[in-house]
């Protein structure tokens, strides 16, 4: 190797960088877990804090709404003040707010705390991916680090309900927030020692109008999609989605004209970057949408309680552990486009297995879910690599934030669209198989309604038997 080639070769990461990745993974795991960690805690919280049904919904949902809405803004802030500084500030805010949430004295206080947690979470997610780019310069090592990052983020959402169930079996509901403190404390102590300093760029102005437009684009869109999934089609939710899309167009146009845009126009024109965003949307759509069906199938058809279903739903993440770390190596050997397409094929195979279960088979459910998760996370890892490769150091925060926002949007679409398709399929099957008197009532609306009816009245047996058959038909459709 010549001296010129040696100088041009990227510096390999050592023990310090890999240790820093572990430190970064802990807050990422907690931020992704907080999306679902209240799964079992809401009943206790509503009893202790006397929360109304509307307040219960906001306690659960406000975190995800604020997180999604502020990702792009916080990515731009990271590029201006430095990703490490924003990461440490966010970790402190997340810790302090977790204590406040754990000891909240009213439902309103807890909703406010969850909103602030969403703000802090929005500072952490793009900053961690931006720091991965700063830590790993070699393409192969960076791909391995991105694979680990993707696997941790995916596992966090599934681990949240399990950890929540374990903590609530031994402690009070505030423990689901206090569990954040040790990892955040470790980040605040080890971060300044292990993470590279990011140089602030004071010359770049922060565009407040673009920040408002980005929030206005993401927040009503995600809110409208989730309300659509929960309450069905309604002009109000369609109006929210339309308003978000209009503001999104205005945001994109402003980035083209502003002298200090939050997202560089060249990045928006980069085909590889756009392809990676599209891949994130598609994979999150399928992954999160399937999780809704899989959880329902485990509980309502196979008969497991909520905590058992949460434990079994973690099994497919084992397959993720075998796919995400090898994505970089496979991409270098066979080409990133081929590996990303192969991941989609594997994911589609998992869907085929899930839709041809035919019997009450836990093994088939877990095998199909594992293939689905492994394939889609493989593709998502390649997409994350493409995002980082397309970014310049000065735009790493904003670019990573856009990628995260795309995943949030894809997940919301998966819940809404696949949930609506599932509801429509169930209604069609109910009309075909249930007696008219049952089909017109709760048993015809949903499987939980059918199982409720199954426990009461003269039609209990037929409702119970046909309800499980309807669930299988709904999933297979």
Protein backbone atom coordinates (compact mmCIF):
# COMPACT_ATOMS: atom_id res chain seq x y z
CA UNK A 1 0.00 0.00 0.00
CA UNK A 2 1.41 3.41 -0.97
CA UNK A 3 1.63 6.34 1.41
CA UNK A 4 -1.14 8.15 -0.48
CA UNK A 5 -3.46 5.11 -0.23
CA UNK A 6 -2.67 4.79 3.47
CA UNK A 7 -3.57 8.42 4.08
CA UNK A 8 -6.78 8.05 2.09
CA UNK A 9 -7.90 4.93 3.99
CA UNK A 10 -10.54 5.74 6.62
CA UNK A 11 -9.55 5.37 10.25
CA UNK A 12 -10.83 2.15 11.79
CA UNK A 13 -12.91 2.33 14.95
CA UNK A 14 -11.44 0.75 18.07
CA UNK A 15 -12.63 -0.20 21.54
CA UNK A 16 -13.42 3.40 22.44
CA UNK A 17 -15.82 3.86 19.52
CA UNK A 18 -17.60 0.55 20.06
CA UNK A 19 -17.99 1.34 23.76
CA UNK A 20 -19.45 4.70 22.78
CA UNK A 21 -21.96 2.87 20.56
CA UNK A 22 -23.13 0.84 23.55
CA UNK A 23 -23.57 4.05 25.54
CA UNK A 24 -25.59 5.52 22.65
CA UNK A 25 -27.72 2.38 22.34
CA UNK A 26 -29.08 2.65 25.88
CA UNK A 27 -30.93 5.97 25.47
CA UNK A 28 -32.09 4.89 22.00
CA UNK A 29 -33.56 1.73 23.54
CA UNK A 30 -35.37 3.73 26.20
CA UNK A 31 -36.73 6.33 23.78
CA UNK A 32 -38.16 3.62 21.53
CA UNK A 33 -39.49 1.70 24.56
CA UNK A 34 -41.36 4.76 25.83
CA UNK A 35 -43.64 4.54 22.80
CA UNK A 36 -45.14 1.31 24.19
CA UNK A 37 -44.09 1.04 27.85
CA UNK A 38 -47.44 2.33 29.16
CA UNK A 39 -49.22 -0.65 27.58
CA UNK A 40 -50.06 -2.20 30.98
CA UNK A 41 -49.65 0.89 33.16
CA UNK A 42 -52.58 2.95 31.86
CA UNK A 43 -55.26 1.11 33.92
CA UNK A 44 -53.34 1.71 37.17
CA UNK A 45 -52.60 5.29 36.19
CA UNK A 46 -56.22 6.02 35.33
CA UNK A 47 -57.35 4.61 38.70
CA UNK A 48 -54.77 6.50 40.78
CA UNK A 49 -55.02 9.79 38.88
CA UNK A 50 -58.76 9.55 38.07
CA UNK A 51 -58.06 10.00 34.37
CA UNK A 52 -61.00 10.30 31.99
CA UNK A 53 -61.09 8.14 28.83
CA UNK A 54 -59.88 11.12 26.77
CA UNK A 55 -57.04 11.79 29.21
CA UNK A 56 -56.04 8.12 29.06
CA UNK A 57 -55.68 8.36 25.29
CA UNK A 58 -53.57 11.50 25.54
CA UNK A 59 -51.37 9.98 28.27
CA UNK A 60 -50.57 7.16 25.88
CA UNK A 61 -50.39 9.04 22.55
CA UNK A 62 -48.96 12.50 23.30
CA UNK A 63 -45.39 11.19 23.54
CA UNK A 64 -45.40 9.76 20.03
CA UNK A 65 -47.13 12.79 18.53
CA UNK A 66 -44.64 15.30 19.94
CA UNK A 67 -41.68 13.03 19.15
CA UNK A 68 -42.69 12.68 15.50
CA UNK A 69 -43.53 16.35 15.12
CA UNK A 70 -40.20 17.68 16.43
CA UNK A 71 -37.73 15.23 14.88
CA UNK A 72 -36.85 17.42 11.91
CA UNK A 73 -36.53 20.54 14.06
CA UNK A 74 -34.24 18.86 16.58
CA UNK A 75 -32.14 17.40 13.77
CA UNK A 76 -31.57 20.93 12.49
CA UNK A 77 -30.71 22.11 16.01
CA UNK A 78 -28.14 19.30 16.29
CA UNK A 79 -26.45 20.50 13.11
CA UNK A 80 -26.21 24.05 14.48
CA UNK A 81 -25.13 23.55 18.11
CA UNK A 82 -23.48 20.13 17.80
CA UNK A 83 -24.99 16.64 18.11
CA UNK A 84 -23.11 15.76 21.31
CA UNK A 85 -24.25 18.88 23.13
CA UNK A 86 -27.88 18.33 22.11
CA UNK A 87 -27.64 14.65 23.06
CA UNK A 88 -26.44 15.46 26.59
CA UNK A 89 -29.01 18.24 27.05
CA UNK A 90 -31.72 15.85 25.86
CA UNK A 91 -30.55 13.11 28.24
CA UNK A 92 -30.73 15.52 31.19
CA UNK A 93 -34.20 16.72 30.16
CA UNK A 94 -35.39 13.13 29.66
CA UNK A 95 -34.14 12.14 33.12
CA UNK A 96 -35.61 15.12 34.95
CA UNK A 97 -38.96 14.77 33.20
CA UNK A 98 -39.07 11.02 33.90
CA UNK A 99 -38.89 11.79 37.65
CA UNK A 100 -41.67 14.36 37.28
CA UNK A 101 -43.81 11.85 35.34
CA UNK A 102 -43.24 9.11 37.93
CA UNK A 103 -44.56 11.32 40.73
CA UNK A 104 -47.25 13.19 38.77
CA UNK A 105 -50.20 14.05 40.97
CA UNK A 106 -52.85 14.42 38.29
CA UNK A 107 -53.64 13.27 34.78
CA UNK A 108 -52.92 16.75 33.43
CA UNK A 109 -49.46 16.76 34.98
CA UNK A 110 -48.69 13.35 33.48
CA UNK A 111 -49.88 14.43 30.02
CA UNK A 112 -47.62 17.49 30.25
CA UNK A 113 -44.70 15.31 31.38
CA UNK A 114 -45.24 12.88 28.51
CA UNK A 115 -45.24 15.81 26.07
CA UNK A 116 -41.91 17.06 27.44
CA UNK A 117 -40.55 13.51 27.24
CA UNK A 118 -41.49 13.57 23.55
CA UNK A 119 -39.50 16.79 23.10
CA UNK A 120 -36.48 15.26 24.84
CA UNK A 121 -36.86 12.04 22.84
CA UNK A 122 -36.85 14.07 19.63
CA UNK A 123 -33.42 15.45 20.60
CA UNK A 124 -32.02 11.98 21.25
CA UNK A 125 -33.05 9.91 18.23
CA UNK A 126 -31.45 11.93 15.38
CA UNK A 127 -28.47 12.81 17.58
CA UNK A 128 -27.62 9.15 18.19
CA UNK A 129 -27.65 8.31 14.46
CA UNK A 130 -25.64 11.46 13.72
CA UNK A 131 -23.06 10.40 16.32
CA UNK A 132 -22.78 6.97 14.66
CA UNK A 133 -21.66 8.77 11.51
CA UNK A 134 -19.09 10.75 13.49
CA UNK A 135 -17.74 7.68 15.29
CA UNK A 136 -17.40 5.23 12.39
CA UNK A 137 -15.55 6.36 9.27
CA UNK A 138 -14.94 2.97 7.69
CA UNK A 139 -17.91 1.98 5.53
CA UNK A 140 -17.98 -1.64 6.70
CA UNK A 141 -17.78 -0.77 10.40
CA UNK A 142 -20.35 1.98 9.99
CA UNK A 143 -22.71 -0.54 8.40
CA UNK A 144 -22.28 -2.87 11.38
CA UNK A 145 -22.94 0.00 13.78
CA UNK A 146 -26.04 1.04 11.85
CA UNK A 147 -27.26 -2.57 11.97
CA UNK A 148 -26.90 -2.58 15.75
CA UNK A 149 -28.62 0.82 15.95
CA UNK A 150 -31.57 -0.39 13.85
CA UNK A 151 -31.90 -3.61 15.85
CA UNK A 152 -31.93 -1.74 19.18
CA UNK A 153 -34.54 0.73 17.97
CA UNK A 154 -36.78 -2.08 16.67
CA UNK A 155 -36.38 -4.19 19.80
CA UNK A 156 -37.25 -1.28 22.08
CA UNK A 157 -40.84 -1.00 20.83
CA UNK A 158 -41.43 -4.71 21.47
CA UNK A 159 -39.62 -4.74 24.81
CA UNK A 160 -41.66 -1.86 26.24
CA UNK A 161 -44.82 -3.86 27.13
CA UNK A 162 -42.79 -6.75 28.58
CA UNK A 163 -40.73 -4.49 30.82
CA UNK A 164 -43.89 -2.63 31.81
CA UNK A 165 -45.59 -5.87 32.83
CA UNK A 166 -42.57 -6.99 34.86
CA UNK A 167 -42.22 -3.68 36.70
CA UNK A 168 -45.93 -3.42 37.48
CA UNK A 169 -45.86 -6.91 38.96
CA UNK A 170 -43.36 -5.71 41.58
CA UNK A 171 -43.64 -1.90 41.83
CA UNK A 172 -46.07 0.98 41.35
CA UNK A 173 -46.76 2.53 37.94
CA UNK A 174 -44.16 5.30 38.35
CA UNK A 175 -41.41 2.69 38.03
CA UNK A 176 -41.94 2.54 34.26
CA UNK A 177 -40.54 6.08 34.12
CA UNK A 178 -37.79 5.74 36.73
CA UNK A 179 -36.24 2.85 34.79
CA UNK A 180 -34.95 5.52 32.37
CA UNK A 181 -32.64 7.10 34.94
CA UNK A 182 -29.64 4.70 35.11
CA UNK A 183 -29.08 4.63 31.34
CA UNK A 184 -29.46 8.39 30.98
CA UNK A 185 -27.07 8.95 33.89
CA UNK A 186 -24.52 6.68 32.21
CA UNK A 187 -24.86 8.68 29.00
CA UNK A 188 -24.34 12.00 30.79
CA UNK A 189 -21.23 10.67 32.56
CA UNK A 190 -19.64 8.67 29.74
CA UNK A 191 -20.81 10.81 26.81
CA UNK A 192 -18.33 13.68 27.31
CA UNK A 193 -15.50 11.14 27.61
CA UNK A 194 -16.34 8.84 24.68
CA UNK A 195 -18.30 10.86 22.14
CA UNK A 196 -16.48 13.17 19.71
CA UNK A 197 -17.13 16.86 20.08
CA UNK A 198 -19.30 18.31 17.33
CA UNK A 199 -18.29 21.77 16.26
CA UNK A 200 -21.22 24.22 16.46
CA UNK A 201 -21.97 26.27 13.36
CA UNK A 202 -23.10 29.65 14.71
CA UNK A 203 -23.05 31.19 11.24
CA UNK A 204 -26.08 29.16 10.17
CA UNK A 205 -29.34 30.84 11.15
CA UNK A 206 -32.17 28.81 12.60
CA UNK A 207 -35.33 29.23 10.53
CA UNK A 208 -38.26 29.40 12.95
CA UNK A 209 -40.82 29.43 10.14
CA UNK A 210 -39.44 26.18 8.72
CA UNK A 211 -39.55 24.66 12.20
CA UNK A 212 -43.23 25.58 12.56
CA UNK A 213 -43.99 24.25 9.08
CA UNK A 214 -42.25 20.93 9.79
CA UNK A 215 -44.18 20.54 13.04
CA UNK A 216 -47.39 21.51 11.26
CA UNK A 217 -46.71 19.00 8.50
CA UNK A 218 -45.95 15.98 10.69
CA UNK A 219 -48.21 16.47 13.70
CA UNK A 220 -51.66 16.75 12.05
CA UNK A 221 -50.76 14.07 9.51
CA UNK A 222 -49.78 11.50 12.16
CA UNK A 223 -52.68 12.56 14.40
CA UNK A 224 -55.20 12.26 11.57
CA UNK A 225 -53.89 8.85 10.55
CA UNK A 226 -54.02 7.49 14.10
CA UNK A 227 -57.52 8.88 14.70
CA UNK A 228 -58.61 7.34 11.43
CA UNK A 229 -57.25 3.98 12.60
CA UNK A 230 -58.99 4.29 15.98
CA UNK A 231 -62.36 5.80 15.04
CA UNK A 232 -62.76 5.03 11.34
CA UNK A 233 -63.12 7.33 8.36
CA UNK A 234 -64.27 10.83 9.24
CA UNK A 235 -64.04 14.21 7.51
CA UNK A 236 -62.11 15.62 10.49
CA UNK A 237 -59.28 13.11 10.16
CA UNK A 238 -59.12 13.55 6.40
CA UNK A 239 -58.92 17.33 6.92
CA UNK A 240 -56.04 16.87 9.40
CA UNK A 241 -54.11 14.71 6.93
CA UNK A 242 -54.77 17.12 4.06
CA UNK A 243 -53.62 20.10 6.17
CA UNK A 244 -50.44 18.26 7.08
CA UNK A 245 -49.68 17.42 3.46
CA UNK A 246 -50.22 21.05 2.37
CA UNK A 247 -47.86 22.29 5.10
CA UNK A 248 -45.37 19.63 4.05
CA UNK A 249 -45.34 21.00 0.51
CA UNK A 250 -44.86 24.53 1.86
CA UNK A 251 -41.98 23.30 4.02
CA UNK A 252 -40.26 21.65 1.04
CA UNK A 253 -40.66 24.78 -1.09
CA UNK A 254 -39.21 26.97 1.68
CA UNK A 255 -36.15 24.72 1.89
CA UNK A 256 -35.50 25.40 -1.79
CA UNK A 257 -35.45 29.18 -1.29
CA UNK A 258 -34.07 29.81 2.20
CA UNK A 259 -30.35 30.73 2.49
CA UNK A 260 -29.96 28.48 5.61
CA UNK A 261 -32.43 25.64 5.08
CA UNK A 262 -33.08 23.01 7.71
CA UNK A 263 -32.67 20.34 5.02
CA UNK A 264 -30.28 21.00 2.13
CA UNK A 265 -32.15 21.06 -1.23
CA UNK A 266 -29.41 18.90 -2.74
CA UNK A 267 -30.23 16.23 -0.18
CA UNK A 268 -33.90 16.27 -1.16
CA UNK A 269 -32.86 15.84 -4.79
CA UNK A 270 -30.56 12.92 -4.00
CA UNK A 271 -32.18 9.80 -5.47
CA UNK A 272 -30.43 7.41 -3.08
CA UNK A 273 -31.60 9.45 -0.10
CA UNK A 274 -35.18 9.55 -1.42
CA UNK A 275 -35.10 5.81 -2.10
CA UNK A 276 -33.91 5.19 1.46
CA UNK A 277 -36.76 7.29 2.85
CA UNK A 278 -39.27 5.37 0.74
CA UNK A 279 -37.79 2.10 1.99
CA UNK A 280 -38.17 3.25 5.59
CA UNK A 281 -41.81 4.16 5.03
CA UNK A 282 -42.63 0.81 3.39
CA UNK A 283 -40.83 -1.28 6.02
CA UNK A 284 -42.26 0.61 8.99
CA UNK A 285 -45.71 0.38 7.37
CA UNK A 286 -45.50 -3.42 7.17
CA UNK A 287 -43.66 -3.98 10.46
CA UNK A 288 -45.86 -1.84 12.73
CA UNK A 289 -49.07 -2.72 10.91
CA UNK A 290 -48.37 -6.43 11.29
CA UNK A 291 -47.56 -5.97 14.99
CA UNK A 292 -51.16 -4.85 15.59
CA UNK A 293 -52.55 -7.99 13.96
CA UNK A 294 -50.03 -10.32 15.58
CA UNK A 295 -50.77 -9.00 19.07
CA UNK A 296 -54.49 -9.40 18.48
CA UNK A 297 -54.06 -12.91 17.09
CA UNK A 298 -51.97 -14.05 20.05
CA UNK A 299 -54.53 -12.75 22.53
CA UNK A 300 -57.91 -13.12 20.88
CA UNK A 301 -57.41 -16.31 18.87
CA UNK A 302 -54.64 -18.24 20.61
CA UNK A 303 -55.95 -17.20 24.04
CA UNK A 304 -52.83 -15.73 25.67
CA UNK A 305 -53.19 -12.89 28.13
CA UNK A 306 -51.64 -9.50 27.36
CA UNK A 307 -48.31 -10.16 29.12
CA UNK A 308 -47.94 -13.63 27.59
CA UNK A 309 -48.67 -12.15 24.15
CA UNK A 310 -46.03 -9.48 24.75
CA UNK A 311 -43.46 -12.15 25.65
CA UNK A 312 -44.26 -14.26 22.57
CA UNK A 313 -44.17 -11.17 20.31
CA UNK A 314 -40.52 -10.71 21.35
CA UNK A 315 -39.54 -14.02 19.73
CA UNK A 316 -39.34 -12.56 16.19
CA UNK A 317 -36.78 -10.02 17.44
CA UNK A 318 -34.36 -12.94 17.81
CA UNK A 319 -34.42 -13.18 14.01
CA UNK A 320 -33.66 -9.45 13.87
CA UNK A 321 -30.53 -10.12 15.90
CA UNK A 322 -29.34 -12.49 13.19
CA UNK A 323 -30.16 -10.20 10.25
CA UNK A 324 -29.36 -6.59 11.18
CA UNK A 325 -25.66 -7.06 12.11
CA UNK A 326 -24.94 -8.82 8.81
CA UNK A 327 -26.67 -6.31 6.56
CA UNK A 328 -23.49 -4.30 5.91
CA UNK A 329 -21.43 -7.32 4.95
CA UNK A 330 -24.15 -8.67 2.69
CA UNK A 331 -24.52 -5.25 1.07
CA UNK A 332 -20.81 -5.05 0.28
CA UNK A 333 -20.74 -8.56 -1.12
CA UNK A 334 -23.94 -8.61 -3.17
CA UNK A 335 -24.79 -4.92 -3.54
CA UNK A 336 -27.02 -2.83 -1.31
CA UNK A 337 -29.90 -2.71 -3.79
CA UNK A 338 -29.99 -6.51 -4.09
CA UNK A 339 -29.84 -7.03 -0.33
CA UNK A 340 -32.58 -4.45 0.29
CA UNK A 341 -34.78 -6.15 -2.32
CA UNK A 342 -33.94 -9.54 -0.82
CA UNK A 343 -35.03 -8.29 2.59
CA UNK A 344 -38.38 -7.28 1.15
CA UNK A 345 -38.74 -10.74 -0.40
CA UNK A 346 -38.01 -12.41 2.95
CA UNK A 347 -40.50 -10.09 4.62
CA UNK A 348 -43.13 -10.93 2.00
CA UNK A 349 -42.46 -14.64 2.63
CA UNK A 350 -43.19 -14.02 6.30
CA UNK A 351 -46.49 -12.42 5.32
CA UNK A 352 -47.33 -15.49 3.22
CA UNK A 353 -46.70 -17.76 6.21
CA UNK A 354 -48.85 -15.57 8.45
CA UNK A 355 -51.72 -15.46 5.98
CA UNK A 356 -51.79 -19.22 5.43
CA UNK A 357 -51.78 -20.29 9.09
CA UNK A 358 -55.17 -21.96 8.76
CA UNK A 359 -55.07 -23.43 12.28
CA UNK A 360 -54.34 -22.17 15.79
CA UNK A 361 -50.57 -22.49 15.34
CA UNK A 362 -48.26 -20.53 17.63
CA UNK A 363 -45.19 -21.95 15.86
CA UNK A 364 -46.38 -20.80 12.42
CA UNK A 365 -47.19 -17.37 13.84
CA UNK A 366 -43.73 -16.98 15.34
CA UNK A 367 -41.95 -18.33 12.23
CA UNK A 368 -43.88 -16.00 9.95
CA UNK A 369 -43.38 -13.06 12.27
CA UNK A 370 -39.66 -13.83 12.55
CA UNK A 371 -39.19 -13.97 8.77
CA UNK A 372 -41.16 -10.75 8.38
CA UNK A 373 -39.14 -8.91 11.04
CA UNK A 374 -35.76 -10.23 9.85
CA UNK A 375 -36.37 -9.30 6.22
CA UNK A 376 -37.77 -5.83 6.86
CA UNK A 377 -35.13 -4.88 9.43
CA UNK A 378 -32.47 -6.04 6.95
CA UNK A 379 -33.90 -3.58 4.42
CA UNK A 380 -34.25 -0.83 7.03
CA UNK A 381 -30.59 -1.25 7.97
CA UNK A 382 -29.52 -0.82 4.34
CA UNK A 383 -31.77 2.25 4.12
CA UNK A 384 -30.15 3.75 7.21
CA UNK A 385 -26.72 3.14 5.68
CA UNK A 386 -27.79 4.91 2.48
CA UNK A 387 -29.05 7.84 4.51
CA UNK A 388 -25.75 8.27 6.35
CA UNK A 389 -23.73 7.82 3.16
CA UNK A 390 -25.69 10.62 1.49
CA UNK A 391 -25.14 13.10 4.32
CA UNK A 392 -22.43 15.68 4.73
CA UNK A 393 -21.19 16.19 8.33
CA UNK A 394 -22.94 19.55 8.58
CA UNK A 395 -26.33 18.05 7.67
CA UNK A 396 -26.15 14.71 9.52
CA UNK A 397 -28.64 15.68 12.23
CA UNK A 398 -31.35 16.97 9.90
CA UNK A 399 -30.89 14.08 7.46
CA UNK A 400 -31.13 11.48 10.22
CA UNK A 401 -34.21 13.24 11.59
CA UNK A 402 -35.97 13.13 8.22
CA UNK A 403 -35.26 9.40 8.06
CA UNK A 404 -36.74 8.91 11.53
CA UNK A 405 -39.80 10.99 10.63
CA UNK A 406 -40.34 8.79 7.56
CA UNK A 407 -40.34 5.72 9.79
CA UNK A 408 -42.84 7.32 12.17
CA UNK A 409 -45.11 8.19 9.25
CA UNK A 410 -44.84 4.67 7.83
CA UNK A 411 -45.76 3.13 11.18
CA UNK A 412 -48.80 5.38 11.55
CA UNK A 413 -49.92 4.51 8.02
CA UNK A 414 -49.46 0.81 8.74
CA UNK A 415 -51.73 0.98 11.79
CA UNK A 416 -54.38 3.02 9.98
CA UNK A 417 -54.50 1.39 6.56
CA UNK A 418 -53.91 -2.24 7.54
CA UNK A 419 -56.20 -1.78 10.53
CA UNK A 420 -58.94 -0.42 8.29
CA UNK A 421 -58.48 -3.29 5.83
CA UNK A 422 -58.67 -5.78 8.68
CA UNK A 423 -61.83 -4.16 10.04
CA UNK A 424 -63.45 -4.24 6.60
CA UNK A 425 -62.51 -7.90 6.14
CA UNK A 426 -63.94 -8.76 9.55
CA UNK A 427 -67.22 -6.98 8.80
CA UNK A 428 -67.54 -8.85 5.50
CA UNK A 429 -66.88 -12.20 7.18
CA UNK A 430 -69.29 -11.38 10.01
CA UNK A 431 -72.05 -10.57 7.56
CA UNK A 432 -71.45 -13.89 5.78
CA UNK A 433 -71.12 -16.20 8.79
CA UNK A 434 -73.00 -14.77 11.77
CA UNK A 435 -76.76 -14.71 12.23
CA UNK A 436 -78.24 -11.34 11.32
CA UNK A 437 -79.05 -10.53 14.96
CA UNK A 438 -75.42 -11.04 16.01
CA UNK A 439 -73.90 -9.38 12.94
CA UNK A 440 -75.83 -6.20 13.67
CA UNK A 441 -74.41 -5.95 17.19
CA UNK A 442 -70.97 -5.86 18.84
CA UNK A 443 -70.09 -9.33 17.51
CA UNK A 444 -70.29 -7.96 13.99
CA UNK A 445 -68.10 -4.95 14.75
CA UNK A 446 -64.96 -6.67 16.02
CA UNK A 447 -63.55 -9.91 17.40
CA UNK A 448 -63.36 -8.50 20.97
CA UNK A 449 -67.05 -7.73 20.62
CA UNK A 450 -67.73 -11.29 19.47
CA UNK A 451 -65.82 -12.74 22.41
CA UNK A 452 -67.74 -10.50 24.81
CA UNK A 453 -71.01 -11.72 23.35
CA UNK A 454 -69.68 -15.29 23.52
CA UNK A 455 -69.65 -15.14 27.29
CA UNK A 456 -73.28 -14.05 27.59
CA UNK A 457 -76.66 -15.07 26.28
CA UNK A 458 -78.02 -17.99 24.25
CA UNK A 459 -75.71 -17.43 21.30
CA UNK A 460 -72.51 -17.86 23.34
CA UNK A 461 -71.29 -21.06 21.70
CA UNK A 462 -71.91 -20.00 18.12
CA UNK A 463 -70.33 -16.57 18.73
CA UNK A 464 -67.24 -18.07 20.34
CA UNK A 465 -66.68 -20.67 17.61
CA UNK A 466 -67.47 -18.38 14.70
CA UNK A 467 -65.54 -15.48 16.25
CA UNK A 468 -62.27 -17.41 16.12
CA UNK A 469 -63.01 -18.49 12.54
CA UNK A 470 -63.66 -14.86 11.60
CA UNK A 471 -60.32 -13.83 13.07
CA UNK A 472 -58.48 -16.40 10.96
CA UNK A 473 -60.29 -15.27 7.83
CA UNK A 474 -59.59 -11.62 8.62
CA UNK A 475 -55.86 -12.22 9.01
CA UNK A 476 -55.64 -14.41 5.89
CA UNK A 477 -57.29 -11.70 3.83
